[in-house]
């Protein structure tokens, strides 16, 4: 699905925006656990934030799609295009 820059920079907020409650709670619980177990070392937290940013960037769209599938959303059709604008134009012109 590609890299999501929005999810990379705003991972937990991105998850809340798309109502991915479970994923946010898992992230927050892990953050809290690392914070408590690391004896308040900032290097460990910084490493966690950097690692989680890459995780959100690479997997956010896949997590969102899996969440929509669990909610019984089904794609109407797949449109192939070079960018989002052309995909939307192709989709709307086929109606």
PDB file of N, CA and C in Angstrom:
ATOM      1  N   UNK A   1       0.815  -1.197   0.000  1.00  0.00           N
ATOM      2  CA  UNK A   1       0.000   0.000   0.000  1.00  0.00           C
ATOM      3  C   UNK A   1       0.857   1.258   0.000  1.00  0.00           C
ATOM      4  N   UNK A   2       2.090   1.145   0.377  1.00  0.00           N
ATOM      5  CA  UNK A   2       2.954   2.311   0.362  1.00  0.00           C
ATOM      6  C   UNK A   2       3.152   2.902   1.744  1.00  0.00           C
ATOM      7  N   UNK A   3       4.053   3.852   1.805  1.00  0.00           N
ATOM      8  CA  UNK A   3       4.408   4.493   3.066  1.00  0.00           C
ATOM      9  C   UNK A   3       3.461   5.651   3.331  1.00  0.00           C
ATOM     10  N   UNK A   4       2.993   5.778   4.554  1.00  0.00           N
ATOM     11  CA  UNK A   4       2.094   6.865   4.935  1.00  0.00           C
ATOM     12  C   UNK A   4       2.864   7.893   5.760  1.00  0.00           C
ATOM     13  N   UNK A   5       3.127   9.039   5.142  1.00  0.00           N
ATOM     14  CA  UNK A   5       3.869  10.083   5.848  1.00  0.00           C
ATOM     15  C   UNK A   5       3.064  10.667   6.995  1.00  0.00           C
ATOM     16  N   UNK A   6       1.758  10.790   6.811  1.00  0.00           N
ATOM     17  CA  UNK A   6       0.923  11.301   7.900  1.00  0.00           C
ATOM     18  C   UNK A   6       0.989  10.380   9.110  1.00  0.00           C
ATOM     19  N   UNK A   7       0.886   9.086   8.864  1.00  0.00           N
ATOM     20  CA  UNK A   7       0.959   8.123   9.963  1.00  0.00           C
ATOM     21  C   UNK A   7       2.359   8.096  10.568  1.00  0.00           C
ATOM     22  N   UNK A   8       3.380   8.330   9.760  1.00  0.00           N
ATOM     23  CA  UNK A   8       4.755   8.362  10.271  1.00  0.00           C
ATOM     24  C   UNK A   8       4.929   9.493  11.284  1.00  0.00           C
ATOM     25  N   UNK A   9       4.457  10.686  10.941  1.00  0.00           N
ATOM     26  CA  UNK A   9       4.650  11.837  11.813  1.00  0.00           C
ATOM     27  C   UNK A   9       3.629  11.917  12.948  1.00  0.00           C
ATOM     28  N   UNK A  10       2.421  11.411  12.714  1.00  0.00           N
ATOM     29  CA  UNK A  10       1.349  11.537  13.707  1.00  0.00           C
ATOM     30  C   UNK A  10       0.718  10.185  14.028  1.00  0.00           C
ATOM     31  N   UNK A  11       1.516   9.133  14.142  1.00  0.00           N
ATOM     32  CA  UNK A  11       1.037   7.761  14.290  1.00  0.00           C
ATOM     33  C   UNK A  11      -0.136   7.548  15.219  1.00  0.00           C
ATOM     34  N   UNK A  12       0.007   7.808  16.513  1.00  0.00           N
ATOM     35  CA  UNK A  12      -1.112   7.574  17.426  1.00  0.00           C
ATOM     36  C   UNK A  12      -2.310   8.480  17.144  1.00  0.00           C
ATOM     37  N   UNK A  13      -2.052   9.721  16.795  1.00  0.00           N
ATOM     38  CA  UNK A  13      -3.160  10.619  16.450  1.00  0.00           C
ATOM     39  C   UNK A  13      -3.838  10.173  15.160  1.00  0.00           C
ATOM     40  N   UNK A  14      -3.061   9.671  14.221  1.00  0.00           N
ATOM     41  CA  UNK A  14      -3.619   9.130  12.980  1.00  0.00           C
ATOM     42  C   UNK A  14      -4.538   7.964  13.299  1.00  0.00           C
ATOM     43  N   UNK A  15      -4.110   7.093  14.214  1.00  0.00           N
ATOM     44  CA  UNK A  15      -4.929   5.938  14.604  1.00  0.00           C
ATOM     45  C   UNK A  15      -6.234   6.395  15.247  1.00  0.00           C
ATOM     46  N   UNK A  16      -6.175   7.397  16.094  1.00  0.00           N
ATOM     47  CA  UNK A  16      -7.399   7.906  16.719  1.00  0.00           C
ATOM     48  C   UNK A  16      -8.322   8.552  15.696  1.00  0.00           C
ATOM     49  N   UNK A  17      -7.746   9.224  14.710  1.00  0.00           N
ATOM     50  CA  UNK A  17      -8.550   9.852  13.663  1.00  0.00           C
ATOM     51  C   UNK A  17      -9.372   8.824  12.899  1.00  0.00           C
ATOM     52  N   UNK A  18      -8.787   7.657  12.659  1.00  0.00           N
ATOM     53  CA  UNK A  18      -9.481   6.594  11.928  1.00  0.00           C
ATOM     54  C   UNK A  18     -10.155   5.587  12.863  1.00  0.00           C
ATOM     55  N   UNK A  19     -10.300   5.966  14.130  1.00  0.00           N
ATOM     56  CA  UNK A  19     -10.990   5.154  15.135  1.00  0.00           C
ATOM     57  C   UNK A  19     -10.398   3.753  15.277  1.00  0.00           C
ATOM     58  N   UNK A  20      -9.097   3.676  15.259  1.00  0.00           N
ATOM     59  CA  UNK A  20      -8.390   2.418  15.480  1.00  0.00           C
ATOM     60  C   UNK A  20      -8.035   2.330  16.966  1.00  0.00           C
ATOM     61  N   UNK A  21      -9.066   2.187  17.778  1.00  0.00           N
ATOM     62  CA  UNK A  21      -8.920   2.245  19.232  1.00  0.00           C
ATOM     63  C   UNK A  21      -7.976   1.171  19.753  1.00  0.00           C
ATOM     64  N   UNK A  22      -8.174  -0.062  19.293  1.00  0.00           N
ATOM     65  CA  UNK A  22      -7.371  -1.177  19.795  1.00  0.00           C
ATOM     66  C   UNK A  22      -5.885  -0.945  19.517  1.00  0.00           C
ATOM     67  N   UNK A  23      -5.566  -0.497  18.328  1.00  0.00           N
ATOM     68  CA  UNK A  23      -4.169  -0.259  17.962  1.00  0.00           C
ATOM     69  C   UNK A  23      -3.564   0.885  18.775  1.00  0.00           C
ATOM     70  N   UNK A  24      -4.372   1.914  19.023  1.00  0.00           N
ATOM     71  CA  UNK A  24      -3.890   3.018  19.852  1.00  0.00           C
ATOM     72  C   UNK A  24      -3.642   2.554  21.279  1.00  0.00           C
ATOM     73  N   UNK A  25      -4.550   1.762  21.830  1.00  0.00           N
ATOM     74  CA  UNK A  25      -4.395   1.282  23.206  1.00  0.00           C
ATOM     75  C   UNK A  25      -3.163   0.387  23.327  1.00  0.00           C
ATOM     76  N   UNK A  26      -2.931  -0.454  22.327  1.00  0.00           N
ATOM     77  CA  UNK A  26      -1.724  -1.295  22.334  1.00  0.00           C
ATOM     78  C   UNK A  26      -0.478  -0.422  22.302  1.00  0.00           C
ATOM     79  N   UNK A  27      -0.465   0.592  21.439  1.00  0.00           N
ATOM     80  CA  UNK A  27       0.684   1.492  21.350  1.00  0.00           C
ATOM     81  C   UNK A  27       0.899   2.222  22.677  1.00  0.00           C
ATOM     82  N   UNK A  28      -0.186   2.754  23.240  1.00  0.00           N
ATOM     83  CA  UNK A  28      -0.081   3.518  24.484  1.00  0.00           C
ATOM     84  C   UNK A  28       0.360   2.632  25.646  1.00  0.00           C
ATOM     85  N   UNK A  29      -0.165   1.417  25.718  1.00  0.00           N
ATOM     86  CA  UNK A  29       0.230   0.480  26.778  1.00  0.00           C
ATOM     87  C   UNK A  29       1.707   0.125  26.667  1.00  0.00           C
ATOM     88  N   UNK A  30       2.166  -0.091  25.450  1.00  0.00           N
ATOM     89  CA  UNK A  30       3.586  -0.384  25.233  1.00  0.00           C
ATOM     90  C   UNK A  30       4.443   0.811  25.636  1.00  0.00           C
ATOM     91  N   UNK A  31       4.007   1.997  25.273  1.00  0.00           N
ATOM     92  CA  UNK A  31       4.726   3.214  25.665  1.00  0.00           C
ATOM     93  C   UNK A  31       4.804   3.327  27.180  1.00  0.00           C
ATOM     94  N   UNK A  32       3.697   3.113  27.849  1.00  0.00           N
ATOM     95  CA  UNK A  32       3.660   3.207  29.302  1.00  0.00           C
ATOM     96  C   UNK A  32       4.559   2.156  29.947  1.00  0.00           C
ATOM     97  N   UNK A  33       4.513   0.941  29.437  1.00  0.00           N
ATOM     98  CA  UNK A  33       5.343  -0.136  29.969  1.00  0.00           C
ATOM     99  C   UNK A  33       6.833   0.168  29.789  1.00  0.00           C
ATOM    100  N   UNK A  34       7.204   0.618  28.612  1.00  0.00           N
ATOM    101  CA  UNK A  34       8.609   0.960  28.360  1.00  0.00           C
ATOM    102  C   UNK A  34       9.039   2.127  29.242  1.00  0.00           C
ATOM    103  N   UNK A  35       8.162   3.087  29.405  1.00  0.00           N
ATOM    104  CA  UNK A  35       8.471   4.240  30.256  1.00  0.00           C
ATOM    105  C   UNK A  35       8.728   3.800  31.693  1.00  0.00           C
ATOM    106  N   UNK A  36       7.895   2.910  32.200  1.00  0.00           N
ATOM    107  CA  UNK A  36       8.045   2.466  33.587  1.00  0.00           C
ATOM    108  C   UNK A  36       9.238   1.535  33.777  1.00  0.00           C
ATOM    109  N   UNK A  37       9.499   0.681  32.787  1.00  0.00           N
ATOM    110  CA  UNK A  37      10.590  -0.279  32.919  1.00  0.00           C
ATOM    111  C   UNK A  37      11.962   0.292  32.571  1.00  0.00           C
ATOM    112  N   UNK A  38      11.991   1.384  31.859  1.00  0.00           N
ATOM    113  CA  UNK A  38      13.279   1.929  31.427  1.00  0.00           C
ATOM    114  C   UNK A  38      13.908   2.849  32.464  1.00  0.00           C
ATOM    115  N   UNK A  39      13.302   2.920  33.636  1.00  0.00           N
ATOM    116  CA  UNK A  39      13.809   3.801  34.694  1.00  0.00           C
ATOM    117  C   UNK A  39      13.924   5.241  34.206  1.00  0.00           C
ATOM    118  N   UNK A  40      12.971   5.612  33.381  1.00  0.00           N
ATOM    119  CA  UNK A  40      12.840   6.987  32.914  1.00  0.00           C
ATOM    120  C   UNK A  40      14.015   7.463  32.068  1.00  0.00           C
ATOM    121  N   UNK A  41      14.676   6.539  31.359  1.00  0.00           N
ATOM    122  CA  UNK A  41      15.755   6.926  30.447  1.00  0.00           C
ATOM    123  C   UNK A  41      15.150   7.458  29.156  1.00  0.00           C
ATOM    124  N   UNK A  42      15.570   8.619  28.764  1.00  0.00           N
ATOM    125  CA  UNK A  42      15.001   9.238  27.572  1.00  0.00           C
ATOM    126  C   UNK A  42      15.457   8.546  26.287  1.00  0.00           C
ATOM    127  N   UNK A  43      16.633   7.892  26.306  1.00  0.00           N
ATOM    128  CA  UNK A  43      17.127   7.236  25.092  1.00  0.00           C
ATOM    129  C   UNK A  43      16.215   6.080  24.686  1.00  0.00           C
ATOM    130  N   UNK A  44      15.731   5.326  25.663  1.00  0.00           N
ATOM    131  CA  UNK A  44      14.845   4.208  25.368  1.00  0.00           C
ATOM    132  C   UNK A  44      13.532   4.706  24.789  1.00  0.00           C
ATOM    133  N   UNK A  45      12.996   5.761  25.365  1.00  0.00           N
ATOM    134  CA  UNK A  45      11.749   6.319  24.848  1.00  0.00           C
ATOM    135  C   UNK A  45      11.935   6.897  23.451  1.00  0.00           C
ATOM    136  N   UNK A  46      13.046   7.564  23.236  1.00  0.00           N
ATOM    137  CA  UNK A  46      13.326   8.111  21.909  1.00  0.00           C
ATOM    138  C   UNK A  46      13.418   6.994  20.880  1.00  0.00           C
ATOM    139  N   UNK A  47      14.105   5.914  21.225  1.00  0.00           N
ATOM    140  CA  UNK A  47      14.202   4.758  20.329  1.00  0.00           C
ATOM    141  C   UNK A  47      12.821   4.181  20.044  1.00  0.00           C
ATOM    142  N   UNK A  48      11.979   4.074  21.079  1.00  0.00           N
ATOM    143  CA  UNK A  48      10.617   3.565  20.894  1.00  0.00           C
ATOM    144  C   UNK A  48       9.817   4.470  19.966  1.00  0.00           C
ATOM    145  N   UNK A  49       9.904   5.778  20.149  1.00  0.00           N
ATOM    146  CA  UNK A  49       9.159   6.705  19.296  1.00  0.00           C
ATOM    147  C   UNK A  49       9.610   6.617  17.842  1.00  0.00           C
ATOM    148  N   UNK A  50      10.908   6.527  17.624  1.00  0.00           N
ATOM    149  CA  UNK A  50      11.416   6.415  16.253  1.00  0.00           C
ATOM    150  C   UNK A  50      10.972   5.102  15.627  1.00  0.00           C
ATOM    151  N   UNK A  51      11.105   4.021  16.371  1.00  0.00           N
ATOM    152  CA  UNK A  51      10.687   2.709  15.873  1.00  0.00           C
ATOM    153  C   UNK A  51       9.187   2.662  15.611  1.00  0.00           C
ATOM    154  N   UNK A  52       8.395   3.221  16.514  1.00  0.00           N
ATOM    155  CA  UNK A  52       6.945   3.203  16.314  1.00  0.00           C
ATOM    156  C   UNK A  52       6.530   4.114  15.158  1.00  0.00           C
ATOM    157  N   UNK A  53       7.271   5.184  14.928  1.00  0.00           N
ATOM    158  CA  UNK A  53       6.963   6.047  13.781  1.00  0.00           C
ATOM    159  C   UNK A  53       7.141   5.292  12.471  1.00  0.00           C
ATOM    160  N   UNK A  54       8.219   4.533  12.371  1.00  0.00           N
ATOM    161  CA  UNK A  54       8.414   3.727  11.164  1.00  0.00           C
ATOM    162  C   UNK A  54       7.349   2.640  11.050  1.00  0.00           C
ATOM    163  N   UNK A  55       6.982   2.033  12.176  1.00  0.00           N
ATOM    164  CA  UNK A  55       5.922   1.030  12.154  1.00  0.00           C
ATOM    165  C   UNK A  55       4.628   1.629  11.621  1.00  0.00           C
ATOM    166  N   UNK A  56       4.210   2.781  12.176  1.00  0.00           N
ATOM    167  CA  UNK A  56       2.982   3.429  11.713  1.00  0.00           C
ATOM    168  C   UNK A  56       3.101   3.811  10.238  1.00  0.00           C
ATOM    169  N   UNK A  57       4.246   4.329   9.840  1.00  0.00           N
ATOM    170  CA  UNK A  57       4.426   4.728   8.446  1.00  0.00           C
ATOM    171  C   UNK A  57       4.275   3.576   7.473  1.00  0.00           C
ATOM    172  N   UNK A  58       4.859   2.434   7.799  1.00  0.00           N
ATOM    173  CA  UNK A  58       4.818   1.290   6.889  1.00  0.00           C
ATOM    174  C   UNK A  58       3.514   0.497   6.955  1.00  0.00           C
ATOM    175  N   UNK A  59       2.900   0.401   8.122  1.00  0.00           N
ATOM    176  CA  UNK A  59       1.770  -0.516   8.282  1.00  0.00           C
ATOM    177  C   UNK A  59       0.424   0.151   8.541  1.00  0.00           C
ATOM    178  N   UNK A  60       0.362   1.466   8.628  1.00  0.00           N
ATOM    179  CA  UNK A  60      -0.888   2.139   8.988  1.00  0.00           C
ATOM    180  C   UNK A  60      -2.016   1.852   7.999  1.00  0.00           C
ATOM    181  N   UNK A  61      -1.735   1.946   6.722  1.00  0.00           N
ATOM    182  CA  UNK A  61      -2.789   1.714   5.731  1.00  0.00           C
ATOM    183  C   UNK A  61      -3.268   0.271   5.759  1.00  0.00           C
ATOM    184  N   UNK A  62      -2.354  -0.663   5.969  1.00  0.00           N
ATOM    185  CA  UNK A  62      -2.745  -2.072   6.062  1.00  0.00           C
ATOM    186  C   UNK A  62      -3.606  -2.320   7.296  1.00  0.00           C
ATOM    187  N   UNK A  63      -3.258  -1.691   8.412  1.00  0.00           N
ATOM    188  CA  UNK A  63      -4.054  -1.829   9.631  1.00  0.00           C
ATOM    189  C   UNK A  63      -5.451  -1.265   9.401  1.00  0.00           C
ATOM    190  N   UNK A  64      -5.531  -0.124   8.731  1.00  0.00           N
ATOM    191  CA  UNK A  64      -6.832   0.480   8.441  1.00  0.00           C
ATOM    192  C   UNK A  64      -7.670  -0.425   7.545  1.00  0.00           C
ATOM    193  N   UNK A  65      -7.078  -0.982   6.513  1.00  0.00           N
ATOM    194  CA  UNK A  65      -7.809  -1.878   5.606  1.00  0.00           C
ATOM    195  C   UNK A  65      -8.305  -3.108   6.353  1.00  0.00           C
ATOM    196  N   UNK A  66      -7.463  -3.694   7.197  1.00  0.00           N
ATOM    197  CA  UNK A  66      -7.891  -4.869   7.968  1.00  0.00           C
ATOM    198  C   UNK A  66      -9.031  -4.520   8.917  1.00  0.00           C
ATOM    199  N   UNK A  67      -8.994  -3.333   9.488  1.00  0.00           N
ATOM    200  CA  UNK A  67     -10.071  -2.886  10.367  1.00  0.00           C
ATOM    201  C   UNK A  67     -11.377  -2.728   9.586  1.00  0.00           C
ATOM    202  N   UNK A  68     -11.303  -2.179   8.386  1.00  0.00           N
ATOM    203  CA  UNK A  68     -12.505  -2.031   7.558  1.00  0.00           C
ATOM    204  C   UNK A  68     -13.056  -3.385   7.134  1.00  0.00           C
ATOM    205  N   UNK A  69     -12.189  -4.334   6.834  1.00  0.00           N
ATOM    206  CA  UNK A  69     -12.634  -5.681   6.466  1.00  0.00           C
ATOM    207  C   UNK A  69     -13.348  -6.336   7.646  1.00  0.00           C
ATOM    208  N   UNK A  70     -12.830  -6.154   8.859  1.00  0.00           N
ATOM    209  CA  UNK A  70     -13.484  -6.707  10.049  1.00  0.00           C
ATOM    210  C   UNK A  70     -14.869  -6.112  10.258  1.00  0.00           C
ATOM    211  N   UNK A  71     -15.047  -4.858   9.825  1.00  0.00           N
ATOM    212  CA  UNK A  71     -16.348  -4.198   9.951  1.00  0.00           C
ATOM    213  C   UNK A  71     -17.262  -4.509   8.770  1.00  0.00           C
ATOM    214  N   UNK A  72     -16.867  -5.477   7.950  1.00  0.00           N
ATOM    215  CA  UNK A  72     -17.660  -5.970   6.814  1.00  0.00           C
ATOM    216  C   UNK A  72     -17.745  -4.985   5.652  1.00  0.00           C
ATOM    217  N   UNK A  73     -16.800  -4.063   5.546  1.00  0.00           N
ATOM    218  CA  UNK A  73     -16.732  -3.206   4.369  1.00  0.00           C
ATOM    219  C   UNK A  73     -16.154  -4.025   3.221  1.00  0.00           C
ATOM    220  N   UNK A  74     -16.699  -3.867   2.046  1.00  0.00           N
ATOM    221  CA  UNK A  74     -16.224  -4.584   0.868  1.00  0.00           C
ATOM    222  C   UNK A  74     -15.905  -3.569  -0.232  1.00  0.00           C
ATOM    223  N   UNK A  75     -14.790  -3.743  -0.922  1.00  0.00           N
ATOM    224  CA  UNK A  75     -14.475  -2.814  -2.018  1.00  0.00           C
ATOM    225  C   UNK A  75     -15.454  -2.985  -3.174  1.00  0.00           C
ATOM    226  N   UNK A  76     -15.813  -1.897  -3.805  1.00  0.00           N
ATOM    227  CA  UNK A  76     -16.697  -1.943  -4.967  1.00  0.00           C
ATOM    228  C   UNK A  76     -15.921  -2.468  -6.161  1.00  0.00           C
ATOM    229  N   UNK A  77     -14.763  -1.894  -6.391  1.00  0.00           N
ATOM    230  CA  UNK A  77     -13.865  -2.371  -7.450  1.00  0.00           C
ATOM    231  C   UNK A  77     -12.487  -1.755  -7.218  1.00  0.00           C
ATOM    232  N   UNK A  78     -11.511  -2.299  -7.901  1.00  0.00           N
ATOM    233  CA  UNK A  78     -10.139  -1.810  -7.793  1.00  0.00           C
ATOM    234  C   UNK A  78      -9.828  -0.984  -9.032  1.00  0.00           C
ATOM    235  N   UNK A  79      -9.321   0.210  -8.816  1.00  0.00           N
ATOM    236  CA  UNK A  79      -8.965   1.108  -9.909  1.00  0.00           C
ATOM    237  C   UNK A  79      -7.453   1.284  -9.893  1.00  0.00           C
ATOM    238  N   UNK A  80      -6.825   1.084 -11.040  1.00  0.00           N
ATOM    239  CA  UNK A  80      -5.383   1.260 -11.163  1.00  0.00           C
ATOM    240  C   UNK A  80      -5.107   2.582 -11.871  1.00  0.00           C
ATOM    241  N   UNK A  81      -4.257   3.405 -11.261  1.00  0.00           N
ATOM    242  CA  UNK A  81      -3.902   4.694 -11.855  1.00  0.00           C
ATOM    243  C   UNK A  81      -2.543   5.118 -11.310  1.00  0.00           C
ATOM    244  N   UNK A  82      -1.971   6.129 -11.959  1.00  0.00           N
ATOM    245  CA  UNK A  82      -0.641   6.591 -11.556  1.00  0.00           C
ATOM    246  C   UNK A  82      -0.669   7.443 -10.293  1.00  0.00           C
ATOM    247  N   UNK A  83      -1.815   8.058  -9.990  1.00  0.00           N
ATOM    248  CA  UNK A  83      -1.928   8.847  -8.764  1.00  0.00           C
ATOM    249  C   UNK A  83      -3.384   8.861  -8.290  1.00  0.00           C
ATOM    250  N   UNK A  84      -3.600   9.458  -7.139  1.00  0.00           N
ATOM    251  CA  UNK A  84      -4.932   9.450  -6.526  1.00  0.00           C
ATOM    252  C   UNK A  84      -5.954  10.215  -7.366  1.00  0.00           C
ATOM    253  N   UNK A  85      -5.535  11.327  -7.958  1.00  0.00           N
ATOM    254  CA  UNK A  85      -6.455  12.142  -8.760  1.00  0.00           C
ATOM    255  C   UNK A  85      -6.935  11.361  -9.984  1.00  0.00           C
ATOM    256  N   UNK A  86      -6.010  10.716 -10.689  1.00  0.00           N
ATOM    257  CA  UNK A  86      -6.398   9.925 -11.863  1.00  0.00           C
ATOM    258  C   UNK A  86      -7.264   8.732 -11.474  1.00  0.00           C
ATOM    259  N   UNK A  87      -6.992   8.141 -10.322  1.00  0.00           N
ATOM    260  CA  UNK A  87      -7.812   7.017  -9.857  1.00  0.00           C
ATOM    261  C   UNK A  87      -9.238   7.472  -9.584  1.00  0.00           C
ATOM    262  N   UNK A  88      -9.387   8.624  -8.956  1.00  0.00           N
ATOM    263  CA  UNK A  88     -10.722   9.151  -8.684  1.00  0.00           C
ATOM    264  C   UNK A  88     -11.454   9.483  -9.978  1.00  0.00           C
ATOM    265  N   UNK A  89     -10.752  10.103 -10.929  1.00  0.00           N
ATOM    266  CA  UNK A  89     -11.371  10.420 -12.221  1.00  0.00           C
ATOM    267  C   UNK A  89     -11.799   9.153 -12.957  1.00  0.00           C
ATOM    268  N   UNK A  90     -10.962   8.131 -12.934  1.00  0.00           N
ATOM    269  CA  UNK A  90     -11.300   6.860 -13.579  1.00  0.00           C
ATOM    270  C   UNK A  90     -12.499   6.219 -12.905  1.00  0.00           C
ATOM    271  N   UNK A  91     -12.515   6.218 -11.589  1.00  0.00           N
ATOM    272  CA  UNK A  91     -13.614   5.609 -10.845  1.00  0.00           C
ATOM    273  C   UNK A  91     -14.931   6.320 -11.130  1.00  0.00           C
ATOM    274  N   UNK A  92     -14.907   7.650 -11.105  1.00  0.00           N
ATOM    275  CA  UNK A  92     -16.139   8.412 -11.318  1.00  0.00           C
ATOM    276  C   UNK A  92     -16.609   8.362 -12.764  1.00  0.00           C
ATOM    277  N   UNK A  93     -15.694   8.227 -13.713  1.00  0.00           N
ATOM    278  CA  UNK A  93     -16.092   8.189 -15.124  1.00  0.00           C
ATOM    279  C   UNK A  93     -16.710   6.850 -15.507  1.00  0.00           C
ATOM    280  N   UNK A  94     -16.465   5.805 -14.735  1.00  0.00           N
ATOM    281  CA  UNK A  94     -17.012   4.490 -15.049  1.00  0.00           C
ATOM    282  C   UNK A  94     -18.433   4.313 -14.539  1.00  0.00           C
ATOM    283  N   UNK A  95     -18.952   5.253 -13.816  1.00  0.00           N
ATOM    284  CA  UNK A  95     -20.315   5.116 -13.270  1.00  0.00           C
ATOM    285  C   UNK A  95     -21.360   5.407 -14.302  1.00  0.00           C
TER     286      UNK A  95
END
